Amino acid sequence: MGSTALPKLVAFDLDGTLWWPEMYMLDGGAPFRRDPKTGAVYDRRNEQIELMGASEAVLRELATDPKWADTEVAYVSRTEYPEWAIPCLKAFVIAEADGKRPLKTMYDLSAHQEIYPGSKVTHFRKIHKESGIPYDEMIFYDNESWNCKECSKLGIHCVYTPRGLTRDSWERGLADYAAAKAATGSP
């Protein structure tokens, strides 16, 4: 990417964007366990929760690529089951590309976890207040178009991901963010 503008905050919805099934669809919920051999995550009734599309690769990039050193990661979810989402984030381990060396959990990768019912505008206002990051330096990936429409009114660059986070949606979002910054003359 070179000198292309990068956001100061990358935020992700969880259910239907980063993982499947959604928390409300689980019969078992917490506690979650990680299979030490495969890395797969299961709820207490052995239903597997899977990272969607390019989620693991994107999170690995955020954890390892030096160009992201000045960028914070946030999870923004309006789930009715925050008591399940947080332990699930702690169960998923992002590993080196070869899968041999664990890097950190999804939870540890993030600086902000706004995971509770209510408007995502409220979630982002709290992140903005705590971090000082301007809304126009944030990018948000979500599988619900109405969340994107609502949050974009704050000035957040929102990326609609109807099939979850894919490599295409990740790269398209970053390219559109950089183009918008270039058009306004912002760094």
N, C-alpha and C. Protein backbone atom coordinates (compact mmCIF):
# COMPACT_ATOMS: atom_id res chain seq x y z
N MET A 1 0.79 -1.20 0.00
CA MET A 1 0.00 0.00 0.00
C MET A 1 0.84 1.26 0.00
N GLY A 2 2.05 1.19 0.48
CA GLY A 2 2.95 2.33 0.42
C GLY A 2 2.47 3.48 1.28
N SER A 3 2.28 4.67 0.65
CA SER A 3 1.89 5.86 1.38
C SER A 3 0.38 6.04 1.42
N THR A 4 -0.38 5.02 1.08
CA THR A 4 -1.83 5.09 1.10
C THR A 4 -2.31 5.28 2.54
N ALA A 5 -3.31 6.17 2.69
CA ALA A 5 -3.86 6.47 4.01
C ALA A 5 -4.48 5.21 4.62
N LEU A 6 -4.17 5.00 5.89
CA LEU A 6 -4.76 3.89 6.64
C LEU A 6 -5.60 4.46 7.78
N PRO A 7 -6.69 3.80 8.13
CA PRO A 7 -7.51 4.27 9.24
C PRO A 7 -6.77 4.11 10.57
N LYS A 8 -7.15 4.93 11.53
CA LYS A 8 -6.59 4.82 12.89
C LYS A 8 -7.35 3.78 13.71
N LEU A 9 -8.56 3.41 13.23
CA LEU A 9 -9.35 2.40 13.92
C LEU A 9 -10.04 1.54 12.87
N VAL A 10 -9.89 0.22 13.01
CA VAL A 10 -10.61 -0.74 12.18
C VAL A 10 -11.58 -1.46 13.11
N ALA A 11 -12.89 -1.32 12.80
CA ALA A 11 -13.92 -1.93 13.64
C ALA A 11 -14.67 -3.00 12.85
N PHE A 12 -15.04 -4.05 13.56
CA PHE A 12 -15.76 -5.16 12.96
C PHE A 12 -16.99 -5.50 13.78
N ASP A 13 -18.08 -5.77 13.08
CA ASP A 13 -19.21 -6.46 13.68
C ASP A 13 -18.76 -7.90 13.88
N LEU A 14 -19.40 -8.64 14.75
CA LEU A 14 -19.03 -10.03 14.99
C LEU A 14 -19.96 -11.01 14.26
N ASP A 15 -21.22 -11.08 14.71
CA ASP A 15 -22.18 -12.05 14.17
C ASP A 15 -22.45 -11.80 12.69
N GLY A 16 -22.15 -12.80 11.87
CA GLY A 16 -22.42 -12.70 10.44
C GLY A 16 -21.40 -11.90 9.66
N THR A 17 -20.44 -11.29 10.36
CA THR A 17 -19.36 -10.56 9.70
C THR A 17 -18.04 -11.30 9.90
N LEU A 18 -17.68 -11.56 11.16
CA LEU A 18 -16.44 -12.29 11.44
C LEU A 18 -16.69 -13.76 11.72
N TRP A 19 -17.81 -14.11 12.35
CA TRP A 19 -18.05 -15.51 12.68
C TRP A 19 -19.47 -15.94 12.43
N TRP A 20 -19.63 -17.26 12.40
CA TRP A 20 -20.92 -17.91 12.20
C TRP A 20 -20.94 -19.21 12.98
N PRO A 21 -22.03 -19.58 13.60
CA PRO A 21 -23.32 -18.92 13.63
C PRO A 21 -23.31 -17.72 14.57
N GLU A 22 -24.39 -16.95 14.47
CA GLU A 22 -24.54 -15.80 15.36
C GLU A 22 -24.78 -16.32 16.79
N MET A 23 -24.41 -15.52 17.77
CA MET A 23 -24.50 -15.95 19.16
C MET A 23 -25.91 -16.41 19.53
N TYR A 24 -26.94 -15.71 19.03
CA TYR A 24 -28.31 -16.08 19.41
C TYR A 24 -28.72 -17.43 18.83
N MET A 25 -28.01 -17.92 17.83
CA MET A 25 -28.34 -19.19 17.20
C MET A 25 -27.79 -20.40 17.96
N LEU A 26 -26.88 -20.15 18.87
CA LEU A 26 -26.26 -21.25 19.61
C LEU A 26 -27.21 -21.80 20.67
N ASP A 27 -27.24 -23.11 20.79
CA ASP A 27 -28.03 -23.74 21.85
C ASP A 27 -27.26 -23.78 23.16
N GLY A 28 -25.92 -23.85 23.05
CA GLY A 28 -25.11 -24.05 24.23
C GLY A 28 -24.52 -22.79 24.82
N GLY A 29 -23.86 -21.99 24.00
CA GLY A 29 -23.19 -20.81 24.50
C GLY A 29 -21.96 -21.13 25.32
N ALA A 30 -21.61 -20.21 26.20
CA ALA A 30 -20.40 -20.35 27.01
C ALA A 30 -20.58 -21.48 28.03
N PRO A 31 -19.50 -22.09 28.46
CA PRO A 31 -18.11 -21.78 28.09
C PRO A 31 -17.75 -22.33 26.71
N PHE A 32 -16.80 -21.66 26.10
CA PHE A 32 -16.29 -22.08 24.80
C PHE A 32 -14.96 -22.77 25.00
N ARG A 33 -14.66 -23.69 24.10
CA ARG A 33 -13.36 -24.37 24.19
C ARG A 33 -12.73 -24.38 22.81
N ARG A 34 -11.44 -24.36 22.83
CA ARG A 34 -10.65 -24.40 21.60
C ARG A 34 -9.97 -25.76 21.52
N ASP A 35 -10.15 -26.44 20.40
CA ASP A 35 -9.47 -27.71 20.18
C ASP A 35 -7.99 -27.41 19.97
N PRO A 36 -7.11 -27.95 20.83
CA PRO A 36 -5.68 -27.62 20.73
C PRO A 36 -5.02 -28.11 19.44
N LYS A 37 -5.59 -29.14 18.83
CA LYS A 37 -4.99 -29.67 17.60
C LYS A 37 -5.43 -28.91 16.36
N THR A 38 -6.71 -28.59 16.27
CA THR A 38 -7.23 -27.96 15.06
C THR A 38 -7.43 -26.46 15.19
N GLY A 39 -7.54 -25.98 16.43
CA GLY A 39 -7.81 -24.56 16.66
C GLY A 39 -9.29 -24.22 16.57
N ALA A 40 -10.12 -25.21 16.25
CA ALA A 40 -11.56 -24.96 16.13
C ALA A 40 -12.14 -24.59 17.50
N VAL A 41 -13.17 -23.74 17.47
CA VAL A 41 -13.82 -23.28 18.70
C VAL A 41 -15.23 -23.85 18.75
N TYR A 42 -15.60 -24.38 19.94
CA TYR A 42 -16.89 -25.01 20.14
C TYR A 42 -17.56 -24.43 21.38
N ASP A 43 -18.91 -24.41 21.35
CA ASP A 43 -19.63 -23.99 22.54
C ASP A 43 -19.80 -25.19 23.47
N ARG A 44 -20.51 -25.01 24.57
CA ARG A 44 -20.59 -26.08 25.57
C ARG A 44 -21.35 -27.31 25.09
N ARG A 45 -22.12 -27.17 24.00
CA ARG A 45 -22.82 -28.32 23.41
C ARG A 45 -22.14 -28.82 22.14
N ASN A 46 -20.88 -28.44 21.98
CA ASN A 46 -20.04 -28.87 20.86
C ASN A 46 -20.47 -28.37 19.49
N GLU A 47 -21.18 -27.24 19.46
CA GLU A 47 -21.48 -26.61 18.18
C GLU A 47 -20.29 -25.73 17.80
N GLN A 48 -19.80 -25.89 16.58
CA GLN A 48 -18.61 -25.15 16.16
C GLN A 48 -18.97 -23.74 15.73
N ILE A 49 -18.17 -22.79 16.17
CA ILE A 49 -18.24 -21.41 15.72
C ILE A 49 -17.06 -21.23 14.77
N GLU A 50 -17.33 -20.73 13.58
CA GLU A 50 -16.29 -20.62 12.57
C GLU A 50 -16.06 -19.18 12.15
N LEU A 51 -14.80 -18.85 11.92
CA LEU A 51 -14.49 -17.54 11.35
C LEU A 51 -14.87 -17.58 9.88
N MET A 52 -15.48 -16.51 9.41
CA MET A 52 -16.00 -16.45 8.05
C MET A 52 -14.96 -15.88 7.08
N GLY A 53 -15.02 -16.35 5.84
CA GLY A 53 -14.26 -15.77 4.74
C GLY A 53 -12.81 -15.50 5.06
N ALA A 54 -12.43 -14.23 4.95
CA ALA A 54 -11.04 -13.81 5.15
C ALA A 54 -10.78 -13.30 6.57
N SER A 55 -11.72 -13.54 7.48
CA SER A 55 -11.59 -12.98 8.83
C SER A 55 -10.25 -13.32 9.49
N GLU A 56 -9.88 -14.59 9.50
CA GLU A 56 -8.64 -14.97 10.17
C GLU A 56 -7.42 -14.32 9.50
N ALA A 57 -7.39 -14.31 8.18
CA ALA A 57 -6.25 -13.72 7.46
C ALA A 57 -6.17 -12.22 7.71
N VAL A 58 -7.30 -11.53 7.74
CA VAL A 58 -7.32 -10.09 7.99
C VAL A 58 -6.86 -9.80 9.42
N LEU A 59 -7.36 -10.56 10.39
CA LEU A 59 -6.95 -10.35 11.77
C LEU A 59 -5.45 -10.64 11.95
N ARG A 60 -4.96 -11.66 11.24
CA ARG A 60 -3.52 -11.95 11.28
C ARG A 60 -2.73 -10.78 10.73
N GLU A 61 -3.19 -10.22 9.62
CA GLU A 61 -2.51 -9.05 9.03
C GLU A 61 -2.48 -7.89 10.03
N LEU A 62 -3.60 -7.63 10.68
CA LEU A 62 -3.65 -6.55 11.66
C LEU A 62 -2.71 -6.81 12.84
N ALA A 63 -2.53 -8.08 13.18
CA ALA A 63 -1.66 -8.44 14.31
C ALA A 63 -0.18 -8.44 13.97
N THR A 64 0.15 -8.63 12.69
CA THR A 64 1.56 -8.85 12.34
C THR A 64 2.19 -7.82 11.40
N ASP A 65 1.42 -7.20 10.54
CA ASP A 65 1.99 -6.29 9.55
C ASP A 65 2.33 -4.95 10.21
N PRO A 66 3.58 -4.52 10.15
CA PRO A 66 3.99 -3.27 10.80
C PRO A 66 3.21 -2.05 10.34
N LYS A 67 2.64 -2.08 9.15
CA LYS A 67 1.89 -0.90 8.68
C LYS A 67 0.66 -0.63 9.54
N TRP A 68 0.21 -1.63 10.31
CA TRP A 68 -0.96 -1.46 11.18
C TRP A 68 -0.58 -1.13 12.62
N ALA A 69 0.67 -0.87 12.89
CA ALA A 69 1.13 -0.63 14.27
C ALA A 69 0.42 0.54 14.95
N ASP A 70 0.00 1.55 14.18
CA ASP A 70 -0.66 2.72 14.76
C ASP A 70 -2.17 2.67 14.64
N THR A 71 -2.71 1.51 14.32
CA THR A 71 -4.16 1.34 14.15
C THR A 71 -4.72 0.47 15.26
N GLU A 72 -5.83 0.91 15.83
CA GLU A 72 -6.51 0.14 16.87
C GLU A 72 -7.60 -0.72 16.23
N VAL A 73 -7.89 -1.85 16.86
CA VAL A 73 -8.94 -2.76 16.41
C VAL A 73 -10.07 -2.70 17.43
N ALA A 74 -11.31 -2.71 16.91
CA ALA A 74 -12.49 -2.70 17.78
C ALA A 74 -13.49 -3.72 17.29
N TYR A 75 -14.23 -4.29 18.24
CA TYR A 75 -15.38 -5.14 17.92
C TYR A 75 -16.61 -4.39 18.38
N VAL A 76 -17.57 -4.24 17.47
CA VAL A 76 -18.78 -3.48 17.73
C VAL A 76 -19.96 -4.39 17.39
N SER A 77 -20.65 -4.86 18.43
CA SER A 77 -21.73 -5.81 18.22
C SER A 77 -22.90 -5.46 19.12
N ARG A 78 -24.10 -5.61 18.56
CA ARG A 78 -25.30 -5.32 19.34
C ARG A 78 -25.95 -6.62 19.82
N THR A 79 -25.17 -7.63 20.03
CA THR A 79 -25.70 -8.93 20.44
C THR A 79 -26.44 -8.87 21.77
N GLU A 80 -27.41 -9.75 21.89
CA GLU A 80 -28.12 -9.91 23.16
C GLU A 80 -27.33 -10.84 24.10
N TYR A 81 -26.18 -11.35 23.61
CA TYR A 81 -25.40 -12.32 24.36
C TYR A 81 -23.94 -11.88 24.55
N PRO A 82 -23.72 -10.71 25.15
CA PRO A 82 -22.32 -10.29 25.36
C PRO A 82 -21.56 -11.25 26.27
N GLU A 83 -22.29 -11.92 27.16
CA GLU A 83 -21.65 -12.87 28.08
C GLU A 83 -21.14 -14.11 27.33
N TRP A 84 -21.54 -14.28 26.09
CA TRP A 84 -21.02 -15.35 25.25
C TRP A 84 -19.97 -14.81 24.27
N ALA A 85 -20.20 -13.61 23.74
CA ALA A 85 -19.30 -13.07 22.71
C ALA A 85 -17.89 -12.84 23.25
N ILE A 86 -17.76 -12.29 24.44
CA ILE A 86 -16.43 -12.02 25.00
C ILE A 86 -15.63 -13.31 25.20
N PRO A 87 -16.20 -14.35 25.86
CA PRO A 87 -15.44 -15.60 25.98
C PRO A 87 -15.12 -16.25 24.62
N CYS A 88 -16.01 -16.06 23.65
CA CYS A 88 -15.74 -16.60 22.31
C CYS A 88 -14.55 -15.88 21.69
N LEU A 89 -14.47 -14.56 21.84
CA LEU A 89 -13.31 -13.80 21.35
C LEU A 89 -12.02 -14.30 22.01
N LYS A 90 -12.11 -14.65 23.28
CA LYS A 90 -10.93 -15.13 24.01
C LYS A 90 -10.54 -16.55 23.59
N ALA A 91 -11.48 -17.31 23.03
CA ALA A 91 -11.20 -18.68 22.62
C ALA A 91 -10.52 -18.75 21.25
N PHE A 92 -10.83 -17.79 20.37
CA PHE A 92 -10.22 -17.80 19.04
C PHE A 92 -8.79 -17.28 19.10
N VAL A 93 -7.86 -18.09 18.63
CA VAL A 93 -6.45 -17.70 18.61
C VAL A 93 -6.04 -17.44 17.17
N ILE A 94 -5.46 -16.28 16.96
CA ILE A 94 -4.91 -15.94 15.64
C ILE A 94 -3.47 -16.44 15.65
N ALA A 95 -3.16 -17.29 14.69
CA ALA A 95 -1.83 -17.92 14.62
C ALA A 95 -1.08 -17.46 13.38
N GLU A 96 0.20 -17.75 13.36
CA GLU A 96 1.01 -17.52 12.15
C GLU A 96 0.33 -18.20 10.98
N ALA A 97 0.64 -17.77 9.78
CA ALA A 97 -0.01 -18.32 8.58
C ALA A 97 0.12 -19.84 8.50
N ASP A 98 1.21 -20.39 9.00
CA ASP A 98 1.38 -21.85 8.96
C ASP A 98 0.61 -22.55 10.08
N GLY A 99 0.00 -21.75 10.97
CA GLY A 99 -0.81 -22.30 12.05
C GLY A 99 -0.02 -22.84 13.22
N LYS A 100 1.30 -22.75 13.15
CA LYS A 100 2.13 -23.39 14.19
C LYS A 100 2.33 -22.52 15.43
N ARG A 101 2.48 -21.22 15.25
CA ARG A 101 2.77 -20.37 16.40
C ARG A 101 1.60 -19.44 16.68
N PRO A 102 0.95 -19.59 17.84
CA PRO A 102 -0.15 -18.68 18.17
C PRO A 102 0.39 -17.26 18.42
N LEU A 103 -0.34 -16.28 17.95
CA LEU A 103 0.06 -14.89 18.13
C LEU A 103 -0.67 -14.25 19.30
N LYS A 104 -1.99 -14.19 19.19
CA LYS A 104 -2.82 -13.65 20.27
C LYS A 104 -4.26 -14.02 20.02
N THR A 105 -5.08 -13.88 21.04
CA THR A 105 -6.50 -14.16 20.86
C THR A 105 -7.15 -12.99 20.13
N MET A 106 -8.33 -13.23 19.60
CA MET A 106 -9.07 -12.13 18.98
C MET A 106 -9.32 -11.03 20.00
N TYR A 107 -9.61 -11.42 21.21
CA TYR A 107 -9.86 -10.43 22.27
C TYR A 107 -8.62 -9.57 22.50
N ASP A 108 -7.46 -10.22 22.62
CA ASP A 108 -6.22 -9.49 22.90
C ASP A 108 -5.79 -8.58 21.75
N LEU A 109 -6.23 -8.88 20.54
CA LEU A 109 -5.92 -8.05 19.38
C LEU A 109 -6.63 -6.71 19.43
N SER A 110 -7.76 -6.67 20.14
CA SER A 110 -8.60 -5.47 20.12
C SER A 110 -8.32 -4.52 21.27
N ALA A 111 -8.48 -3.24 20.96
CA ALA A 111 -8.36 -2.19 21.98
C ALA A 111 -9.73 -1.85 22.56
N HIS A 112 -10.79 -2.16 21.81
CA HIS A 112 -12.15 -1.80 22.22
C HIS A 112 -13.10 -2.96 21.93
N GLN A 113 -13.98 -3.24 22.89
CA GLN A 113 -15.01 -4.26 22.72
C GLN A 113 -16.33 -3.64 23.16
N GLU A 114 -17.06 -3.10 22.23
CA GLU A 114 -18.37 -2.54 22.51
C GLU A 114 -19.39 -3.59 22.08
N ILE A 115 -19.75 -4.45 23.01
CA ILE A 115 -20.55 -5.64 22.71
C ILE A 115 -21.72 -5.69 23.68
N TYR A 116 -22.86 -5.12 23.25
CA TYR A 116 -24.06 -5.09 24.06
C TYR A 116 -25.21 -4.58 23.18
N PRO A 117 -26.45 -4.83 23.59
CA PRO A 117 -27.60 -4.37 22.80
C PRO A 117 -27.62 -2.85 22.68
N GLY A 118 -28.24 -2.38 21.62
CA GLY A 118 -28.39 -0.94 21.43
C GLY A 118 -27.77 -0.48 20.13
N SER A 119 -27.93 0.78 19.85
CA SER A 119 -27.45 1.38 18.61
C SER A 119 -25.92 1.35 18.52
N LYS A 120 -25.43 1.03 17.35
CA LYS A 120 -23.99 1.04 17.15
C LYS A 120 -23.44 2.46 17.14
N VAL A 121 -24.30 3.44 16.94
CA VAL A 121 -23.88 4.83 17.08
C VAL A 121 -23.40 5.06 18.51
N THR A 122 -24.14 4.53 19.48
CA THR A 122 -23.73 4.63 20.89
C THR A 122 -22.39 3.94 21.11
N HIS A 123 -22.20 2.79 20.50
CA HIS A 123 -20.94 2.06 20.61
C HIS A 123 -19.78 2.92 20.10
N PHE A 124 -19.97 3.50 18.92
CA PHE A 124 -18.90 4.30 18.33
C PHE A 124 -18.66 5.61 19.08
N ARG A 125 -19.69 6.19 19.63
CA ARG A 125 -19.48 7.41 20.43
C ARG A 125 -18.60 7.11 21.64
N LYS A 126 -18.81 5.94 22.24
CA LYS A 126 -17.98 5.56 23.39
C LYS A 126 -16.53 5.33 22.96
N ILE A 127 -16.33 4.64 21.83
CA ILE A 127 -14.97 4.42 21.33
C ILE A 127 -14.30 5.76 21.03
N HIS A 128 -15.03 6.65 20.38
CA HIS A 128 -14.48 7.97 20.04
C HIS A 128 -14.08 8.73 21.31
N LYS A 129 -14.94 8.71 22.31
CA LYS A 129 -14.65 9.41 23.57
C LYS A 129 -13.42 8.82 24.26
N GLU A 130 -13.32 7.49 24.29
CA GLU A 130 -12.21 6.83 24.97
C GLU A 130 -10.89 6.94 24.21
N SER A 131 -10.96 6.87 22.89
CA SER A 131 -9.73 6.82 22.08
C SER A 131 -9.28 8.17 21.55
N GLY A 132 -10.22 9.10 21.39
CA GLY A 132 -9.90 10.38 20.77
C GLY A 132 -9.76 10.30 19.26
N ILE A 133 -10.02 9.14 18.69
CA ILE A 133 -9.89 8.96 17.24
C ILE A 133 -11.10 9.60 16.56
N PRO A 134 -10.86 10.51 15.61
CA PRO A 134 -11.98 11.12 14.89
C PRO A 134 -12.75 10.07 14.08
N TYR A 135 -14.05 10.29 13.95
CA TYR A 135 -14.88 9.33 13.21
C TYR A 135 -14.39 9.13 11.78
N ASP A 136 -13.89 10.20 11.16
CA ASP A 136 -13.46 10.08 9.76
C ASP A 136 -12.13 9.33 9.61
N GLU A 137 -11.56 8.89 10.73
CA GLU A 137 -10.37 8.05 10.69
C GLU A 137 -10.68 6.62 11.15
N MET A 138 -11.97 6.28 11.06
CA MET A 138 -12.44 4.95 11.42
C MET A 138 -13.02 4.27 10.18
N ILE A 139 -12.86 2.94 10.13
CA ILE A 139 -13.51 2.13 9.11
C ILE A 139 -14.23 1.00 9.83
N PHE A 140 -15.42 0.68 9.33
CA PHE A 140 -16.28 -0.29 10.01
C PHE A 140 -16.84 -1.28 9.00
N TYR A 141 -16.68 -2.57 9.29
CA TYR A 141 -17.18 -3.66 8.45
C TYR A 141 -18.37 -4.32 9.14
N ASP A 142 -19.51 -4.40 8.44
CA ASP A 142 -20.72 -4.96 9.03
C ASP A 142 -21.56 -5.62 7.95
N ASN A 143 -22.23 -6.73 8.31
CA ASN A 143 -23.07 -7.44 7.35
C ASN A 143 -24.50 -6.91 7.30
N GLU A 144 -24.82 -5.91 8.09
CA GLU A 144 -26.16 -5.31 8.09
C GLU A 144 -26.07 -3.91 7.49
N SER A 145 -26.76 -3.70 6.37
CA SER A 145 -26.66 -2.41 5.67
C SER A 145 -27.18 -1.26 6.52
N TRP A 146 -28.20 -1.50 7.33
CA TRP A 146 -28.74 -0.40 8.13
C TRP A 146 -27.77 0.06 9.20
N ASN A 147 -26.93 -0.85 9.72
CA ASN A 147 -25.88 -0.43 10.66
C ASN A 147 -24.88 0.48 9.94
N CYS A 148 -24.55 0.11 8.71
CA CYS A 148 -23.62 0.92 7.93
C CYS A 148 -24.20 2.31 7.66
N LYS A 149 -25.47 2.36 7.27
CA LYS A 149 -26.11 3.65 6.99
C LYS A 149 -26.14 4.53 8.23
N GLU A 150 -26.50 3.93 9.36
CA GLU A 150 -26.60 4.67 10.61
C GLU A 150 -25.23 5.22 11.05
N CYS A 151 -24.21 4.37 11.01
CA CYS A 151 -22.88 4.78 11.48
C CYS A 151 -22.19 5.73 10.51
N SER A 152 -22.49 5.62 9.23
CA SER A 152 -21.86 6.52 8.26
C SER A 152 -22.27 7.97 8.51
N LYS A 153 -23.42 8.19 9.15
CA LYS A 153 -23.86 9.56 9.47
C LYS A 153 -22.92 10.24 10.45
N LEU A 154 -22.15 9.43 11.20
CA LEU A 154 -21.14 10.00 12.11
C LEU A 154 -19.87 10.41 11.36
N GLY A 155 -19.74 9.96 10.11
CA GLY A 155 -18.52 10.22 9.34
C GLY A 155 -17.60 9.02 9.26
N ILE A 156 -18.06 7.88 9.78
CA ILE A 156 -17.28 6.64 9.74
C ILE A 156 -17.37 6.06 8.34
N HIS A 157 -16.25 5.58 7.81
CA HIS A 157 -16.27 4.90 6.51
C HIS A 157 -16.77 3.48 6.76
N CYS A 158 -17.96 3.16 6.25
CA CYS A 158 -18.59 1.87 6.51
C CYS A 158 -18.54 0.99 5.26
N VAL A 159 -18.31 -0.29 5.48
CA VAL A 159 -18.21 -1.26 4.40
C VAL A 159 -19.24 -2.36 4.67
N TYR A 160 -20.18 -2.47 3.75
CA TYR A 160 -21.23 -3.49 3.83
C TYR A 160 -20.66 -4.82 3.38
N THR A 161 -20.80 -5.84 4.24
CA THR A 161 -20.25 -7.18 3.97
C THR A 161 -21.37 -8.22 4.08
N PRO A 162 -22.27 -8.29 3.10
CA PRO A 162 -23.44 -9.17 3.23
C PRO A 162 -23.11 -10.65 3.38
N ARG A 163 -21.93 -11.06 2.95
CA ARG A 163 -21.52 -12.47 3.08
C ARG A 163 -20.39 -12.63 4.09
N GLY A 164 -20.29 -11.71 5.00
CA GLY A 164 -19.19 -11.74 5.95
C GLY A 164 -17.96 -11.05 5.36
N LEU A 165 -16.91 -10.99 6.17
CA LEU A 165 -15.68 -10.33 5.74
C LEU A 165 -14.96 -11.19 4.71
N THR A 166 -14.86 -10.69 3.51
CA THR A 166 -14.14 -11.37 2.43
C THR A 166 -12.88 -10.57 2.12
N ARG A 167 -11.97 -11.17 1.40
CA ARG A 167 -10.76 -10.46 0.99
C ARG A 167 -11.15 -9.25 0.13
N ASP A 168 -12.13 -9.45 -0.76
CA ASP A 168 -12.57 -8.36 -1.62
C ASP A 168 -13.16 -7.20 -0.82
N SER A 169 -14.02 -7.49 0.17
CA SER A 169 -14.62 -6.41 0.95
C SER A 169 -13.57 -5.69 1.80
N TRP A 170 -12.60 -6.42 2.32
CA TRP A 170 -11.50 -5.83 3.09
C TRP A 170 -10.71 -4.84 2.23
N GLU A 171 -10.26 -5.32 1.08
CA GLU A 171 -9.44 -4.48 0.20
C GLU A 171 -10.22 -3.33 -0.41
N ARG A 172 -11.47 -3.60 -0.80
CA ARG A 172 -12.32 -2.54 -1.36
C ARG A 172 -12.54 -1.45 -0.32
N GLY A 173 -12.81 -1.84 0.91
CA GLY A 173 -13.02 -0.87 1.97
C GLY A 173 -11.81 0.01 2.20
N LEU A 174 -10.63 -0.60 2.24
CA LEU A 174 -9.40 0.17 2.45
C LEU A 174 -9.12 1.09 1.27
N ALA A 175 -9.35 0.60 0.05
CA ALA A 175 -9.13 1.43 -1.13
C ALA A 175 -10.10 2.62 -1.15
N ASP A 176 -11.36 2.37 -0.83
CA ASP A 176 -12.36 3.45 -0.79
C ASP A 176 -12.03 4.46 0.31
N TYR A 177 -11.57 3.96 1.44
CA TYR A 177 -11.17 4.84 2.55
C TYR A 177 -10.02 5.75 2.10
N ALA A 178 -9.00 5.15 1.49
CA ALA A 178 -7.83 5.91 1.02
C ALA A 178 -8.23 6.92 -0.05
N ALA A 179 -9.13 6.54 -0.95
CA ALA A 179 -9.57 7.46 -2.01
C ALA A 179 -10.33 8.63 -1.41
N ALA A 180 -11.17 8.36 -0.41
CA ALA A 180 -11.91 9.44 0.25
C ALA A 180 -10.97 10.40 0.96
N LYS A 181 -9.95 9.86 1.61
CA LYS A 181 -8.96 10.71 2.28
C LYS A 181 -8.19 11.56 1.27
N ALA A 182 -7.81 10.94 0.14
CA ALA A 182 -7.07 11.66 -0.90
C ALA A 182 -7.93 12.77 -1.49
N ALA A 183 -9.22 12.52 -1.66
CA ALA A 183 -10.12 13.51 -2.25
C ALA A 183 -10.28 14.73 -1.35
N THR A 184 -10.15 14.53 -0.03
CA THR A 184 -10.28 15.65 0.89
C THR A 184 -8.93 16.27 1.24
N GLY A 185 -7.87 15.66 0.73
CA GLY A 185 -6.51 16.15 1.02
C GLY A 185 -6.04 15.79 2.41
N SER A 186 -6.71 14.83 3.06
CA SER A 186 -6.32 14.40 4.40
C SER A 186 -5.21 13.37 4.31
N PRO A 187 -4.33 13.33 5.32
CA PRO A 187 -3.27 12.33 5.33
C PRO A 187 -3.79 10.94 5.61
